[in-house]
């Protein structure tokens, strides 16, 4: 379709009631806008505080960016 954005084409493959879980090693707001492209619910995960040091698995668990957090975020979309 002419004039359709790239992100709209990508998200167009999803059903109209699909939810999105976004994960970024940065501000969760950086990707939360994706839900507004097609009016889908979004559960954005990201960093809301900084300063810890350590290895990535420990830090991602601390900041809730690990696999458990992603599963929890997806489950919240069904509530």
Protein backbone atom coordinates (compact mmCIF):
# COMPACT_ATOMS: atom_id res chain seq x y z
CA UNK A 1 0.00 0.00 0.00
CA UNK A 2 1.45 3.38 -0.98
CA UNK A 3 2.21 5.73 1.89
CA UNK A 4 2.27 2.98 4.50
CA UNK A 5 5.21 3.17 6.91
CA UNK A 6 7.67 0.32 7.33
CA UNK A 7 6.61 -0.27 10.94
CA UNK A 8 2.94 -0.32 9.93
CA UNK A 9 3.72 -2.99 7.33
CA UNK A 10 5.61 -5.06 9.93
CA UNK A 11 2.89 -4.80 12.55
CA UNK A 12 0.20 -5.37 9.92
CA UNK A 13 1.01 -9.08 10.00
CA UNK A 14 -0.39 -9.18 13.56
CA UNK A 15 -4.04 -9.46 14.43
CA UNK A 16 -5.86 -6.29 15.50
CA UNK A 17 -6.03 -7.43 19.13
CA UNK A 18 -2.42 -8.62 19.39
CA UNK A 19 -0.35 -7.21 22.22
CA UNK A 20 3.27 -6.13 21.97
CA UNK A 21 6.07 -6.68 24.45
CA UNK A 22 9.00 -4.38 23.75
CA UNK A 23 12.40 -4.91 25.35
CA UNK A 24 15.23 -2.40 25.25
CA UNK A 25 18.43 -1.89 27.22
CA UNK A 26 17.37 1.75 27.60
CA UNK A 27 14.27 3.77 28.41
CA UNK A 28 11.05 1.74 27.99
CA UNK A 29 9.42 4.82 26.48
CA UNK A 30 11.73 4.56 23.49
CA UNK A 31 9.65 1.69 22.07
CA UNK A 32 6.30 2.15 23.81
CA UNK A 33 5.03 4.23 20.86
CA UNK A 34 4.82 1.06 18.77
CA UNK A 35 1.46 0.27 20.35
CA UNK A 36 0.05 3.47 18.89
CA UNK A 37 0.85 2.51 15.30
CA UNK A 38 -2.12 0.15 15.02
CA UNK A 39 -3.81 0.71 18.40
CA UNK A 40 -2.38 -2.37 20.06
CA UNK A 41 -1.74 -2.83 23.77
CA UNK A 42 1.94 -2.61 24.63
CA UNK A 43 3.94 -3.73 27.63
CA UNK A 44 7.26 -1.87 27.39
CA UNK A 45 10.25 -3.22 29.30
CA UNK A 46 13.39 -1.18 29.81
CA UNK A 47 15.58 0.63 32.30
CA UNK A 48 14.09 3.18 34.65
CA UNK A 49 17.16 3.49 36.85
CA UNK A 50 20.89 3.22 36.31
CA UNK A 51 24.11 2.64 38.20
CA UNK A 52 24.46 -1.07 38.84
CA UNK A 53 27.49 -2.99 37.62
CA UNK A 54 27.73 -6.71 36.99
CA UNK A 55 27.33 -9.31 34.30
CA UNK A 56 24.42 -9.08 31.87
CA UNK A 57 22.30 -11.99 33.18
CA UNK A 58 22.41 -10.56 36.71
CA UNK A 59 21.74 -7.02 35.55
CA UNK A 60 18.86 -8.05 33.28
CA UNK A 61 17.31 -9.98 36.17
CA UNK A 62 17.79 -6.95 38.49
CA UNK A 63 16.22 -4.55 35.99
CA UNK A 64 13.47 -6.99 34.91
CA UNK A 65 14.69 -7.47 31.35
CA UNK A 66 15.20 -11.23 31.59
CA UNK A 67 13.10 -14.07 30.19
CA UNK A 68 10.90 -14.21 33.32
CA UNK A 69 10.08 -10.51 32.97
CA UNK A 70 9.21 -10.95 29.30
CA UNK A 71 6.84 -13.83 30.11
CA UNK A 72 5.24 -11.76 32.89
CA UNK A 73 4.81 -8.79 30.54
CA UNK A 74 3.17 -10.99 27.92
CA UNK A 75 0.82 -12.47 30.54
CA UNK A 76 -0.21 -8.97 31.66
CA UNK A 77 -1.46 -8.26 28.15
CA UNK A 78 -4.13 -10.91 28.67
CA UNK A 79 -5.57 -9.31 31.82
